[in-house]
Amino acid sequence: MLIYKIIDEASWRQAQAVGHFNGSSDDKRDGFIHFSSAAQTAGTLAKHFAGRADLIIAAVDADRLGANLKWEKSRGSQEFPHLYASLPISAVIWWRPLPPPTGGRHVLPPEMI
């Protein structure tokens, strides 16, 4: 199963260089790395990343994250994937830059549609 992480481009480049991602400032504040399912990603982009043009979306193999990945209730009582560890870059199956928003909304990569 794939889950998705939205990351700013500079943080993604740093994570690639060191081999893992320790989380955004929001992730660190909350104590876990936030992810979304494919169905949740558009809502996450609209709520937390509206108008941003410096974003990467990374598709992560949830099975490679082990017991540190928990599905927990969050926005709208939906269960979201939360990782209580660093994200190893080796768990990323693919990543893409997200084009700047068109008409105020981000367009997801074809692999997700």
Protein backbone atom coordinates (compact mmCIF):
# COMPACT_ATOMS: atom_id res chain seq x y z
CA MET A 1 0.00 0.00 0.00
CA LEU A 2 1.26 3.46 -0.88
CA ILE A 3 0.92 6.48 1.38
CA TYR A 4 1.94 10.00 0.45
CA LYS A 5 4.10 12.72 1.99
CA ILE A 6 4.09 16.31 0.80
CA ILE A 7 7.46 17.93 1.42
CA ASP A 8 8.99 21.26 0.46
CA GLU A 9 11.69 20.88 -2.18
CA ALA A 10 14.60 22.05 0.02
CA SER A 11 13.74 19.55 2.78
CA TRP A 12 13.39 16.78 0.20
CA ARG A 13 16.83 17.50 -1.27
CA GLN A 14 18.34 17.42 2.23
CA ALA A 15 16.57 14.14 3.04
CA GLN A 16 17.90 12.57 -0.15
CA ALA A 17 21.43 13.65 0.77
CA VAL A 18 21.31 12.08 4.25
CA GLY A 19 19.07 9.10 3.43
CA HIS A 20 16.13 9.92 5.69
CA PHE A 21 13.55 12.60 6.45
CA ASN A 22 13.08 13.63 10.07
CA GLY A 23 9.91 15.60 9.47
CA SER A 24 8.74 19.14 8.88
CA SER A 25 8.36 21.65 11.69
CA ASP A 26 4.69 20.59 11.96
CA ASP A 27 5.71 16.92 12.12
CA LYS A 28 8.27 17.64 14.85
CA ARG A 29 5.73 19.69 16.82
CA ASP A 30 3.20 16.82 16.68
CA GLY A 31 5.74 14.06 17.40
CA PHE A 32 5.19 12.08 14.20
CA ILE A 33 5.47 12.44 10.42
CA HIS A 34 2.12 13.14 8.78
CA PHE A 35 1.11 11.18 5.67
CA SER A 36 -2.07 10.87 3.63
CA SER A 37 -3.70 8.06 1.70
CA ALA A 38 -4.28 8.65 -2.00
CA ALA A 39 -7.89 9.63 -1.28
CA GLN A 40 -6.80 12.11 1.43
CA THR A 41 -3.96 13.83 -0.44
CA ALA A 42 -6.00 16.44 -2.34
CA GLY A 43 -7.63 17.55 0.92
CA THR A 44 -4.26 17.74 2.66
CA LEU A 45 -2.87 19.89 -0.15
CA ALA A 46 -5.87 22.23 -0.05
CA LYS A 47 -5.84 22.59 3.75
CA HIS A 48 -2.12 22.81 4.51
CA PHE A 49 -0.31 23.71 1.27
CA ALA A 50 -2.65 25.99 -0.69
CA GLY A 51 -0.79 28.24 -3.10
CA ARG A 52 2.65 26.71 -2.45
CA ALA A 53 4.77 26.11 -5.53
CA ASP A 54 7.86 24.48 -3.97
CA LEU A 55 6.44 21.06 -3.19
CA ILE A 56 7.39 17.44 -3.78
CA ILE A 57 5.03 14.50 -3.37
CA ALA A 58 6.62 11.22 -2.33
CA ALA A 59 4.89 7.85 -2.61
CA VAL A 60 5.97 5.62 0.27
CA ASP A 61 5.59 1.86 0.66
CA ALA A 62 3.74 1.66 3.98
CA ASP A 63 4.86 -1.95 4.50
CA ARG A 64 8.50 -0.82 4.69
CA LEU A 65 7.77 1.39 7.71
CA GLY A 66 6.92 -1.42 10.12
CA ALA A 67 5.34 -0.99 13.52
CA ASN A 68 6.28 2.70 13.71
CA LEU A 69 3.44 3.48 11.27
CA LYS A 70 0.08 3.98 12.99
CA TRP A 71 -3.29 4.82 11.48
CA GLU A 72 -4.93 7.35 13.79
CA LYS A 73 -8.05 9.49 13.75
CA SER A 74 -7.46 13.05 12.64
CA ARG A 75 -9.19 15.52 10.32
CA GLY A 76 -12.90 14.73 9.97
CA SER A 77 -12.49 11.60 12.14
CA GLN A 78 -10.65 9.93 9.23
CA GLU A 79 -7.74 7.65 9.98
CA PHE A 80 -4.46 9.05 8.68
CA PRO A 81 -1.05 7.35 8.59
CA HIS A 82 1.43 8.73 11.14
CA LEU A 83 5.05 7.62 11.34
CA TYR A 84 6.71 7.64 14.76
CA ALA A 85 10.25 7.46 13.34
CA SER A 86 12.32 9.01 10.57
CA LEU A 87 11.24 8.25 7.01
CA PRO A 88 13.97 6.23 5.28
CA ILE A 89 14.38 7.37 1.68
CA SER A 90 14.67 3.68 0.76
CA ALA A 91 10.92 3.35 1.50
CA VAL A 92 10.07 5.95 -1.17
CA ILE A 93 8.84 4.23 -4.35
CA TRP A 94 8.63 7.39 -6.45
CA TRP A 95 8.56 11.14 -6.05
CA ARG A 96 7.50 14.02 -8.26
CA PRO A 97 7.60 17.80 -8.07
CA LEU A 98 4.09 19.18 -7.83
CA PRO A 99 3.47 21.83 -10.47
CA PRO A 100 2.39 25.24 -9.18
CA PRO A 101 -1.32 25.35 -8.40
CA THR A 102 -3.66 26.00 -11.29
CA GLY A 103 -6.78 27.94 -10.40
CA GLY A 104 -5.82 27.68 -6.74
CA ARG A 105 -5.57 23.88 -6.68
CA HIS A 106 -2.67 21.47 -7.06
CA VAL A 107 -2.91 18.80 -9.73
CA LEU A 108 -1.90 15.36 -8.52
CA PRO A 109 0.47 13.21 -10.59
CA PRO A 110 -1.19 10.76 -13.00
CA GLU A 111 0.11 7.83 -10.92
CA MET A 112 -2.34 8.81 -8.18
CA ILE A 113 -5.46 9.22 -10.30
